[in-house]
């Protein structure tokens, strides 16, 4: 926006046929080049922040998915453990009954 204002002022001054001193001309060129460099720098920073935001979004989705997979695996292992412990208890009861009947 500032760059546009400076250019408009510069173009308006050109149309008015006002002659700038060499020092004023150099300062206008320096100011314009500085604004262009700043604009390029800010565009790069914006691009970088957008890339970082996208990367963070992908990382969040990745870890969310990984968390869901691990939770499902834990539920599956708990169910298997529960089944095995029930079988073991049933076998232990049968062994106790078998020992009691033999004795």
PDB file of N, CA and C in Angstrom:
ATOM      1  N   UNK A   1       0.819  -1.184   0.000  1.00  0.00           N
ATOM      2  CA  UNK A   1       0.000   0.000   0.000  1.00  0.00           C
ATOM      3  C   UNK A   1       0.874   1.263   0.000  1.00  0.00           C
ATOM      4  N   UNK A   2       1.873   1.263   0.850  1.00  0.00           N
ATOM      5  CA  UNK A   2       2.782   2.404   0.888  1.00  0.00           C
ATOM      6  C   UNK A   2       3.538   2.532  -0.426  1.00  0.00           C
ATOM      7  N   UNK A   3       3.909   1.383  -0.966  1.00  0.00           N
ATOM      8  CA  UNK A   3       4.626   1.380  -2.233  1.00  0.00           C
ATOM      9  C   UNK A   3       3.764   1.995  -3.326  1.00  0.00           C
ATOM     10  N   UNK A   4       2.494   1.650  -3.319  1.00  0.00           N
ATOM     11  CA  UNK A   4       1.578   2.205  -4.312  1.00  0.00           C
ATOM     12  C   UNK A   4       1.446   3.724  -4.136  1.00  0.00           C
ATOM     13  N   UNK A   5       1.322   4.167  -2.870  1.00  0.00           N
ATOM     14  CA  UNK A   5       1.224   5.606  -2.611  1.00  0.00           C
ATOM     15  C   UNK A   5       2.465   6.345  -3.090  1.00  0.00           C
ATOM     16  N   UNK A   6       3.620   5.780  -2.824  1.00  0.00           N
ATOM     17  CA  UNK A   6       4.861   6.425  -3.246  1.00  0.00           C
ATOM     18  C   UNK A   6       4.925   6.502  -4.765  1.00  0.00           C
ATOM     19  N   UNK A   7       4.551   5.398  -5.409  1.00  0.00           N
ATOM     20  CA  UNK A   7       4.568   5.394  -6.877  1.00  0.00           C
ATOM     21  C   UNK A   7       3.585   6.413  -7.441  1.00  0.00           C
ATOM     22  N   UNK A   8       2.394   6.481  -6.827  1.00  0.00           N
ATOM     23  CA  UNK A   8       1.402   7.457  -7.295  1.00  0.00           C
ATOM     24  C   UNK A   8       1.922   8.878  -7.118  1.00  0.00           C
ATOM     25  N   UNK A   9       2.538   9.148  -5.977  1.00  0.00           N
ATOM     26  CA  UNK A   9       3.116  10.480  -5.755  1.00  0.00           C
ATOM     27  C   UNK A   9       4.218  10.772  -6.760  1.00  0.00           C
ATOM     28  N   UNK A  10       5.024   9.778  -7.010  1.00  0.00           N
ATOM     29  CA  UNK A  10       6.120   9.934  -7.951  1.00  0.00           C
ATOM     30  C   UNK A  10       5.587  10.184  -9.354  1.00  0.00           C
ATOM     31  N   UNK A  11       4.551   9.412  -9.745  1.00  0.00           N
ATOM     32  CA  UNK A  11       3.958   9.601 -11.068  1.00  0.00           C
ATOM     33  C   UNK A  11       3.257  10.950 -11.171  1.00  0.00           C
ATOM     34  N   UNK A  12       2.582  11.368 -10.099  1.00  0.00           N
ATOM     35  CA  UNK A  12       1.926  12.677 -10.101  1.00  0.00           C
ATOM     36  C   UNK A  12       2.966  13.782 -10.233  1.00  0.00           C
ATOM     37  N   UNK A  13       4.081  13.631  -9.540  1.00  0.00           N
ATOM     38  CA  UNK A  13       5.154  14.619  -9.635  1.00  0.00           C
ATOM     39  C   UNK A  13       5.730  14.641 -11.045  1.00  0.00           C
ATOM     40  N   UNK A  14       5.811  13.476 -11.671  1.00  0.00           N
ATOM     41  CA  UNK A  14       6.309  13.402 -13.037  1.00  0.00           C
ATOM     42  C   UNK A  14       5.372  14.157 -13.981  1.00  0.00           C
ATOM     43  N   UNK A  15       4.064  13.967 -13.765  1.00  0.00           N
ATOM     44  CA  UNK A  15       3.080  14.638 -14.611  1.00  0.00           C
ATOM     45  C   UNK A  15       3.125  16.153 -14.415  1.00  0.00           C
ATOM     46  N   UNK A  16       3.404  16.586 -13.215  1.00  0.00           N
ATOM     47  CA  UNK A  16       3.461  18.023 -12.927  1.00  0.00           C
ATOM     48  C   UNK A  16       4.741  18.660 -13.462  1.00  0.00           C
ATOM     49  N   UNK A  17       5.622  17.842 -13.922  1.00  0.00           N
ATOM     50  CA  UNK A  17       6.903  18.302 -14.453  1.00  0.00           C
ATOM     51  C   UNK A  17       7.710  19.075 -13.417  1.00  0.00           C
ATOM     52  N   UNK A  18       7.600  18.579 -12.183  1.00  0.00           N
ATOM     53  CA  UNK A  18       8.405  19.174 -11.124  1.00  0.00           C
ATOM     54  C   UNK A  18       9.762  18.497 -11.162  1.00  0.00           C
ATOM     55  N   UNK A  19      10.758  19.282 -11.123  1.00  0.00           N
ATOM     56  CA  UNK A  19      12.092  18.694 -11.151  1.00  0.00           C
ATOM     57  C   UNK A  19      12.595  18.544  -9.717  1.00  0.00           C
ATOM     58  N   UNK A  20      13.025  17.329  -9.440  1.00  0.00           N
ATOM     59  CA  UNK A  20      13.604  17.062  -8.136  1.00  0.00           C
ATOM     60  C   UNK A  20      15.098  17.297  -8.202  1.00  0.00           C
ATOM     61  N   UNK A  21      15.644  17.626  -7.082  1.00  0.00           N
ATOM     62  CA  UNK A  21      17.095  17.717  -7.022  1.00  0.00           C
ATOM     63  C   UNK A  21      17.652  16.302  -7.063  1.00  0.00           C
ATOM     64  N   UNK A  22      18.905  16.166  -7.316  1.00  0.00           N
ATOM     65  CA  UNK A  22      19.514  14.831  -7.391  1.00  0.00           C
ATOM     66  C   UNK A  22      19.400  14.112  -6.052  1.00  0.00           C
ATOM     67  N   UNK A  23      19.491  14.844  -4.972  1.00  0.00           N
ATOM     68  CA  UNK A  23      19.382  14.236  -3.647  1.00  0.00           C
ATOM     69  C   UNK A  23      17.972  13.696  -3.426  1.00  0.00           C
ATOM     70  N   UNK A  24      16.965  14.462  -3.841  1.00  0.00           N
ATOM     71  CA  UNK A  24      15.581  14.001  -3.710  1.00  0.00           C
ATOM     72  C   UNK A  24      15.329  12.791  -4.594  1.00  0.00           C
ATOM     73  N   UNK A  25      15.874  12.808  -5.786  1.00  0.00           N
ATOM     74  CA  UNK A  25      15.704  11.665  -6.678  1.00  0.00           C
ATOM     75  C   UNK A  25      16.337  10.411  -6.093  1.00  0.00           C
ATOM     76  N   UNK A  26      17.527  10.542  -5.540  1.00  0.00           N
ATOM     77  CA  UNK A  26      18.195   9.396  -4.926  1.00  0.00           C
ATOM     78  C   UNK A  26      17.412   8.878  -3.732  1.00  0.00           C
ATOM     79  N   UNK A  27      16.878   9.793  -2.915  1.00  0.00           N
ATOM     80  CA  UNK A  27      16.115   9.354  -1.744  1.00  0.00           C
ATOM     81  C   UNK A  27      14.833   8.652  -2.167  1.00  0.00           C
ATOM     82  N   UNK A  28      14.187   9.126  -3.242  1.00  0.00           N
ATOM     83  CA  UNK A  28      12.983   8.455  -3.746  1.00  0.00           C
ATOM     84  C   UNK A  28      13.303   7.060  -4.252  1.00  0.00           C
ATOM     85  N   UNK A  29      14.384   6.948  -4.984  1.00  0.00           N
ATOM     86  CA  UNK A  29      14.794   5.634  -5.501  1.00  0.00           C
ATOM     87  C   UNK A  29      15.147   4.712  -4.347  1.00  0.00           C
ATOM     88  N   UNK A  30      15.904   5.227  -3.371  1.00  0.00           N
ATOM     89  CA  UNK A  30      16.285   4.420  -2.213  1.00  0.00           C
ATOM     90  C   UNK A  30      15.047   3.975  -1.438  1.00  0.00           C
ATOM     91  N   UNK A  31      14.134   4.880  -1.236  1.00  0.00           N
ATOM     92  CA  UNK A  31      12.917   4.554  -0.488  1.00  0.00           C
ATOM     93  C   UNK A  31      12.105   3.497  -1.222  1.00  0.00           C
ATOM     94  N   UNK A  32      11.985   3.664  -2.535  1.00  0.00           N
ATOM     95  CA  UNK A  32      11.220   2.709  -3.332  1.00  0.00           C
ATOM     96  C   UNK A  32      11.884   1.336  -3.323  1.00  0.00           C
ATOM     97  N   UNK A  33      13.193   1.311  -3.479  1.00  0.00           N
ATOM     98  CA  UNK A  33      13.896   0.017  -3.469  1.00  0.00           C
ATOM     99  C   UNK A  33      13.808  -0.631  -2.092  1.00  0.00           C
ATOM    100  N   UNK A  34      13.890   0.186  -1.042  1.00  0.00           N
ATOM    101  CA  UNK A  34      13.756  -0.357   0.309  1.00  0.00           C
ATOM    102  C   UNK A  34      12.373  -0.956   0.508  1.00  0.00           C
ATOM    103  N   UNK A  35      11.340  -0.258   0.029  1.00  0.00           N
ATOM    104  CA  UNK A  35       9.976  -0.778   0.151  1.00  0.00           C
ATOM    105  C   UNK A  35       9.796  -2.063  -0.652  1.00  0.00           C
ATOM    106  N   UNK A  36      10.408  -2.118  -1.821  1.00  0.00           N
ATOM    107  CA  UNK A  36      10.322  -3.344  -2.615  1.00  0.00           C
ATOM    108  C   UNK A  36      11.002  -4.505  -1.908  1.00  0.00           C
ATOM    109  N   UNK A  37      12.178  -4.259  -1.345  1.00  0.00           N
ATOM    110  CA  UNK A  37      12.881  -5.322  -0.597  1.00  0.00           C
ATOM    111  C   UNK A  37      12.061  -5.769   0.602  1.00  0.00           C
ATOM    112  N   UNK A  38      11.483  -4.791   1.294  1.00  0.00           N
ATOM    113  CA  UNK A  38      10.658  -5.124   2.459  1.00  0.00           C
ATOM    114  C   UNK A  38       9.441  -5.926   2.039  1.00  0.00           C
ATOM    115  N   UNK A  39       8.837  -5.532   0.945  1.00  0.00           N
ATOM    116  CA  UNK A  39       7.673  -6.252   0.436  1.00  0.00           C
ATOM    117  C   UNK A  39       8.036  -7.693   0.083  1.00  0.00           C
ATOM    118  N   UNK A  40       9.155  -7.878  -0.585  1.00  0.00           N
ATOM    119  CA  UNK A  40       9.612  -9.231  -0.938  1.00  0.00           C
ATOM    120  C   UNK A  40       9.874 -10.046   0.325  1.00  0.00           C
ATOM    121  N   UNK A  41      10.519  -9.415   1.297  1.00  0.00           N
ATOM    122  CA  UNK A  41      10.808 -10.100   2.560  1.00  0.00           C
ATOM    123  C   UNK A  41       9.513 -10.532   3.256  1.00  0.00           C
ATOM    124  N   UNK A  42       8.548  -9.633   3.305  1.00  0.00           N
ATOM    125  CA  UNK A  42       7.276  -9.963   3.964  1.00  0.00           C
ATOM    126  C   UNK A  42       6.522 -11.056   3.218  1.00  0.00           C
ATOM    127  N   UNK A  43       6.600 -11.029   1.896  1.00  0.00           N
ATOM    128  CA  UNK A  43       5.961 -12.100   1.115  1.00  0.00           C
ATOM    129  C   UNK A  43       6.600 -13.445   1.421  1.00  0.00           C
ATOM    130  N   UNK A  44       7.926 -13.462   1.533  1.00  0.00           N
ATOM    131  CA  UNK A  44       8.614 -14.716   1.871  1.00  0.00           C
ATOM    132  C   UNK A  44       8.219 -15.201   3.269  1.00  0.00           C
ATOM    133  N   UNK A  45       8.140 -14.263   4.197  1.00  0.00           N
ATOM    134  CA  UNK A  45       7.751 -14.648   5.557  1.00  0.00           C
ATOM    135  C   UNK A  45       6.322 -15.197   5.582  1.00  0.00           C
ATOM    136  N   UNK A  46       5.425 -14.573   4.820  1.00  0.00           N
ATOM    137  CA  UNK A  46       4.054 -15.048   4.743  1.00  0.00           C
ATOM    138  C   UNK A  46       4.000 -16.441   4.138  1.00  0.00           C
ATOM    139  N   UNK A  47       4.759 -16.655   3.075  1.00  0.00           N
ATOM    140  CA  UNK A  47       4.820 -17.959   2.435  1.00  0.00           C
ATOM    141  C   UNK A  47       5.343 -19.013   3.412  1.00  0.00           C
ATOM    142  N   UNK A  48       6.376 -18.650   4.144  1.00  0.00           N
ATOM    143  CA  UNK A  48       6.966 -19.578   5.116  1.00  0.00           C
ATOM    144  C   UNK A  48       5.964 -19.913   6.216  1.00  0.00           C
ATOM    145  N   UNK A  49       5.249 -18.910   6.712  1.00  0.00           N
ATOM    146  CA  UNK A  49       4.273 -19.165   7.782  1.00  0.00           C
ATOM    147  C   UNK A  49       3.119 -20.026   7.276  1.00  0.00           C
ATOM    148  N   UNK A  50       2.710 -19.827   6.023  1.00  0.00           N
ATOM    149  CA  UNK A  50       1.650 -20.668   5.450  1.00  0.00           C
ATOM    150  C   UNK A  50       2.134 -22.107   5.348  1.00  0.00           C
ATOM    151  N   UNK A  51       3.379 -22.291   4.895  1.00  0.00           N
ATOM    152  CA  UNK A  51       3.939 -23.651   4.807  1.00  0.00           C
ATOM    153  C   UNK A  51       4.020 -24.299   6.186  1.00  0.00           C
ATOM    154  N   UNK A  52       4.463 -23.523   7.185  1.00  0.00           N
ATOM    155  CA  UNK A  52       4.559 -24.068   8.541  1.00  0.00           C
ATOM    156  C   UNK A  52       3.178 -24.433   9.079  1.00  0.00           C
ATOM    157  N   UNK A  53       2.189 -23.590   8.789  1.00  0.00           N
ATOM    158  CA  UNK A  53       0.829 -23.878   9.244  1.00  0.00           C
ATOM    159  C   UNK A  53       0.329 -25.171   8.620  1.00  0.00           C
ATOM    160  N   UNK A  54       0.571 -25.346   7.327  1.00  0.00           N
ATOM    161  CA  UNK A  54       0.146 -26.578   6.656  1.00  0.00           C
ATOM    162  C   UNK A  54       0.870 -27.790   7.229  1.00  0.00           C
ATOM    163  N   UNK A  55       2.174 -27.634   7.498  1.00  0.00           N
ATOM    164  CA  UNK A  55       2.933 -28.739   8.065  1.00  0.00           C
ATOM    165  C   UNK A  55       2.398 -29.105   9.457  1.00  0.00           C
ATOM    166  N   UNK A  56       2.101 -28.097  10.269  1.00  0.00           N
ATOM    167  CA  UNK A  56       1.572 -28.359  11.603  1.00  0.00           C
ATOM    168  C   UNK A  56       0.204 -29.017  11.529  1.00  0.00           C
ATOM    169  N   UNK A  57      -0.611 -28.604  10.560  1.00  0.00           N
ATOM    170  CA  UNK A  57      -1.916 -29.230  10.390  1.00  0.00           C
ATOM    171  C   UNK A  57      -1.750 -30.701  10.020  1.00  0.00           C
ATOM    172  N   UNK A  58      -0.806 -30.982   9.104  1.00  0.00           N
ATOM    173  CA  UNK A  58      -0.551 -32.366   8.715  1.00  0.00           C
ATOM    174  C   UNK A  58      -0.006 -33.176   9.887  1.00  0.00           C
ATOM    175  N   UNK A  59       0.873 -32.558  10.677  1.00  0.00           N
ATOM    176  CA  UNK A  59       1.419 -33.264  11.839  1.00  0.00           C
ATOM    177  C   UNK A  59       0.318 -33.571  12.848  1.00  0.00           C
ATOM    178  N   UNK A  60      -0.570 -32.613  13.075  1.00  0.00           N
ATOM    179  CA  UNK A  60      -1.665 -32.838  14.017  1.00  0.00           C
ATOM    180  C   UNK A  60      -2.544 -33.978  13.533  1.00  0.00           C
ATOM    181  N   UNK A  61      -2.863 -33.997  12.245  1.00  0.00           N
ATOM    182  CA  UNK A  61      -3.681 -35.080  11.703  1.00  0.00           C
ATOM    183  C   UNK A  61      -2.945 -36.410  11.823  1.00  0.00           C
ATOM    184  N   UNK A  62      -1.642 -36.414  11.531  1.00  0.00           N
ATOM    185  CA  UNK A  62      -0.847 -37.639  11.615  1.00  0.00           C
ATOM    186  C   UNK A  62      -0.862 -38.202  13.035  1.00  0.00           C
ATOM    187  N   UNK A  63      -0.591 -37.336  14.024  1.00  0.00           N
ATOM    188  CA  UNK A  63      -0.539 -37.832  15.395  1.00  0.00           C
ATOM    189  C   UNK A  63      -1.919 -38.176  15.936  1.00  0.00           C
ATOM    190  N   UNK A  64      -2.954 -37.479  15.470  1.00  0.00           N
ATOM    191  CA  UNK A  64      -4.314 -37.835  15.861  1.00  0.00           C
ATOM    192  C   UNK A  64      -4.646 -39.233  15.341  1.00  0.00           C
ATOM    193  N   UNK A  65      -4.320 -39.495  14.074  1.00  0.00           N
ATOM    194  CA  UNK A  65      -4.567 -40.810  13.480  1.00  0.00           C
ATOM    195  C   UNK A  65      -3.763 -41.886  14.198  1.00  0.00           C
ATOM    196  N   UNK A  66      -2.512 -41.570  14.479  1.00  0.00           N
ATOM    197  CA  UNK A  66      -1.657 -42.537  15.175  1.00  0.00           C
ATOM    198  C   UNK A  66      -2.200 -42.842  16.570  1.00  0.00           C
ATOM    199  N   UNK A  67      -2.702 -41.814  17.245  1.00  0.00           N
ATOM    200  CA  UNK A  67      -3.295 -41.990  18.569  1.00  0.00           C
ATOM    201  C   UNK A  67      -4.508 -42.900  18.491  1.00  0.00           C
ATOM    202  N   UNK A  68      -5.349 -42.701  17.477  1.00  0.00           N
ATOM    203  CA  UNK A  68      -6.539 -43.540  17.321  1.00  0.00           C
ATOM    204  C   UNK A  68      -6.155 -45.000  17.063  1.00  0.00           C
ATOM    205  N   UNK A  69      -5.132 -45.208  16.242  1.00  0.00           N
ATOM    206  CA  UNK A  69      -4.669 -46.573  15.958  1.00  0.00           C
ATOM    207  C   UNK A  69      -4.158 -47.233  17.234  1.00  0.00           C
ATOM    208  N   UNK A  70      -3.382 -46.493  18.012  1.00  0.00           N
ATOM    209  CA  UNK A  70      -2.844 -47.049  19.259  1.00  0.00           C
ATOM    210  C   UNK A  70      -3.951 -47.346  20.266  1.00  0.00           C
ATOM    211  N   UNK A  71      -4.953 -46.482  20.337  1.00  0.00           N
ATOM    212  CA  UNK A  71      -6.072 -46.745  21.240  1.00  0.00           C
ATOM    213  C   UNK A  71      -6.820 -48.000  20.825  1.00  0.00           C
ATOM    214  N   UNK A  72      -7.016 -48.192  19.530  1.00  0.00           N
ATOM    215  CA  UNK A  72      -7.688 -49.395  19.036  1.00  0.00           C
ATOM    216  C   UNK A  72      -6.855 -50.635  19.366  1.00  0.00           C
ATOM    217  N   UNK A  73      -5.537 -50.520  19.208  1.00  0.00           N
ATOM    218  CA  UNK A  73      -4.655 -51.641  19.526  1.00  0.00           C
ATOM    219  C   UNK A  73      -4.728 -51.982  21.020  1.00  0.00           C
ATOM    220  N   UNK A  74      -4.768 -50.956  21.862  1.00  0.00           N
ATOM    221  CA  UNK A  74      -4.871 -51.178  23.311  1.00  0.00           C
ATOM    222  C   UNK A  74      -6.185 -51.873  23.647  1.00  0.00           C
ATOM    223  N   UNK A  75      -7.285 -51.413  23.046  1.00  0.00           N
ATOM    224  CA  UNK A  75      -8.585 -52.064  23.303  1.00  0.00           C
ATOM    225  C   UNK A  75      -8.554 -53.521  22.874  1.00  0.00           C
ATOM    226  N   UNK A  76      -7.941 -53.782  21.717  1.00  0.00           N
ATOM    227  CA  UNK A  76      -7.846 -55.151  21.215  1.00  0.00           C
ATOM    228  C   UNK A  76      -7.024 -56.024  22.173  1.00  0.00           C
ATOM    229  N   UNK A  77      -5.899 -55.500  22.634  1.00  0.00           N
ATOM    230  CA  UNK A  77      -5.057 -56.274  23.554  1.00  0.00           C
ATOM    231  C   UNK A  77      -5.748 -56.498  24.898  1.00  0.00           C
ATOM    232  N   UNK A  78      -6.498 -55.507  25.375  1.00  0.00           N
ATOM    233  CA  UNK A  78      -7.235 -55.678  26.628  1.00  0.00           C
ATOM    234  C   UNK A  78      -8.288 -56.773  26.490  1.00  0.00           C
ATOM    235  N   UNK A  79      -8.964 -56.802  25.335  1.00  0.00           N
ATOM    236  CA  UNK A  79      -9.982 -57.833  25.102  1.00  0.00           C
ATOM    237  C   UNK A  79      -9.338 -59.219  25.069  1.00  0.00           C
ATOM    238  N   UNK A  80      -8.180 -59.329  24.397  1.00  0.00           N
ATOM    239  CA  UNK A  80      -7.475 -60.617  24.355  1.00  0.00           C
ATOM    240  C   UNK A  80      -7.043 -61.047  25.752  1.00  0.00           C
ATOM    241  N   UNK A  81      -6.517 -60.102  26.529  1.00  0.00           N
ATOM    242  CA  UNK A  81      -6.081 -60.400  27.884  1.00  0.00           C
ATOM    243  C   UNK A  81      -7.251 -60.864  28.745  1.00  0.00           C
ATOM    244  N   UNK A  82      -8.387 -60.196  28.575  1.00  0.00           N
ATOM    245  CA  UNK A  82      -9.570 -60.564  29.343  1.00  0.00           C
ATOM    246  C   UNK A  82     -10.020 -61.991  29.007  1.00  0.00           C
ATOM    247  N   UNK A  83     -10.016 -62.327  27.701  1.00  0.00           N
ATOM    248  CA  UNK A  83     -10.397 -63.675  27.283  1.00  0.00           C
ATOM    249  C   UNK A  83      -9.435 -64.724  27.852  1.00  0.00           C
ATOM    250  N   UNK A  84      -8.135 -64.426  27.759  1.00  0.00           N
ATOM    251  CA  UNK A  84      -7.145 -65.384  28.263  1.00  0.00           C
ATOM    252  C   UNK A  84      -7.246 -65.561  29.770  1.00  0.00           C
ATOM    253  N   UNK A  85      -7.473 -64.454  30.479  1.00  0.00           N
ATOM    254  CA  UNK A  85      -7.580 -64.584  31.932  1.00  0.00           C
ATOM    255  C   UNK A  85      -8.830 -65.370  32.313  1.00  0.00           C
ATOM    256  N   UNK A  86      -9.918 -65.218  31.568  1.00  0.00           N
ATOM    257  CA  UNK A  86     -11.124 -66.014  31.836  1.00  0.00           C
ATOM    258  C   UNK A  86     -10.857 -67.495  31.580  1.00  0.00           C
ATOM    259  N   UNK A  87     -10.174 -67.790  30.458  1.00  0.00           N
ATOM    260  CA  UNK A  87      -9.840 -69.184  30.152  1.00  0.00           C
ATOM    261  C   UNK A  87      -8.944 -69.777  31.242  1.00  0.00           C
ATOM    262  N   UNK A  88      -7.965 -68.989  31.669  1.00  0.00           N
ATOM    263  CA  UNK A  88      -7.039 -69.464  32.692  1.00  0.00           C
ATOM    264  C   UNK A  88      -7.779 -69.751  33.996  1.00  0.00           C
ATOM    265  N   UNK A  89      -8.710 -68.861  34.371  1.00  0.00           N
ATOM    266  CA  UNK A  89      -9.491 -69.078  35.595  1.00  0.00           C
ATOM    267  C   UNK A  89     -10.343 -70.327  35.471  1.00  0.00           C
ATOM    268  N   UNK A  90     -10.929 -70.513  34.286  1.00  0.00           N
ATOM    269  CA  UNK A  90     -11.752 -71.714  34.071  1.00  0.00           C
ATOM    270  C   UNK A  90     -10.884 -72.967  34.151  1.00  0.00           C
ATOM    271  N   UNK A  91      -9.687 -72.926  33.557  1.00  0.00           N
ATOM    272  CA  UNK A  91      -8.796 -74.088  33.622  1.00  0.00           C
ATOM    273  C   UNK A  91      -8.337 -74.355  35.048  1.00  0.00           C
ATOM    274  N   UNK A  92      -8.068 -73.275  35.785  1.00  0.00           N
ATOM    275  CA  UNK A  92      -7.661 -73.443  37.175  1.00  0.00           C
ATOM    276  C   UNK A  92      -8.776 -74.092  37.985  1.00  0.00           C
ATOM    277  N   UNK A  93     -10.016 -73.666  37.759  1.00  0.00           N
ATOM    278  CA  UNK A  93     -11.157 -74.273  38.473  1.00  0.00           C
ATOM    279  C   UNK A  93     -11.289 -75.747  38.128  1.00  0.00           C
ATOM    280  N   UNK A  94     -11.114 -76.073  36.836  1.00  0.00           N
ATOM    281  CA  UNK A  94     -11.197 -77.473  36.420  1.00  0.00           C
ATOM    282  C   UNK A  94     -10.082 -78.298  37.051  1.00  0.00           C
ATOM    283  N   UNK A  95      -8.879 -77.736  37.147  1.00  0.00           N
ATOM    284  CA  UNK A  95      -7.768 -78.452  37.780  1.00  0.00           C
ATOM    285  C   UNK A  95      -8.047 -78.683  39.258  1.00  0.00           C
ATOM    286  N   UNK A  96      -8.589 -77.694  39.914  1.00  0.00           N
ATOM    287  CA  UNK A  96      -8.899 -77.821  41.340  1.00  0.00           C
ATOM    288  C   UNK A  96      -9.957 -78.887  41.534  1.00  0.00           C
ATOM    289  N   UNK A  97     -10.989 -78.881  40.668  1.00  0.00           N
ATOM    290  CA  UNK A  97     -12.041 -79.906  40.767  1.00  0.00           C
ATOM    291  C   UNK A  97     -11.475 -81.286  40.467  1.00  0.00           C
ATOM    292  N   UNK A  98     -10.587 -81.362  39.482  1.00  0.00           N
ATOM    293  CA  UNK A  98     -10.003 -82.651  39.132  1.00  0.00           C
ATOM    294  C   UNK A  98      -9.132 -83.161  40.279  1.00  0.00           C
ATOM    295  N   UNK A  99      -8.367 -82.292  40.914  1.00  0.00           N
ATOM    296  CA  UNK A  99      -7.536 -82.678  42.031  1.00  0.00           C
ATOM    297  C   UNK A  99      -8.398 -83.091  43.224  1.00  0.00           C
ATOM    298  N   UNK A 100      -9.480 -82.365  43.411  1.00  0.00           N
ATOM    299  CA  UNK A 100     -10.376 -82.682  44.537  1.00  0.00           C
ATOM    300  C   UNK A 100     -11.043 -84.033  44.320  1.00  0.00           C
ATOM    301  N   UNK A 101     -11.418 -84.348  43.098  1.00  0.00           N
ATOM    302  CA  UNK A 101     -12.069 -85.619  42.809  1.00  0.00           C
ATOM    303  C   UNK A 101     -11.081 -86.787  42.915  1.00  0.00           C
ATOM    304  N   UNK A 102      -9.817 -86.540  42.622  1.00  0.00           N
ATOM    305  CA  UNK A 102      -8.790 -87.596  42.727  1.00  0.00           C
ATOM    306  C   UNK A 102      -8.401 -87.844  44.180  1.00  0.00           C
ATOM    307  N   UNK A 103      -8.524 -86.864  44.998  1.00  0.00           N
ATOM    308  CA  UNK A 103      -8.080 -86.999  46.362  1.00  0.00           C
ATOM    309  C   UNK A 103      -9.057 -87.679  47.248  1.00  0.00           C
TER     310      UNK A 103
END
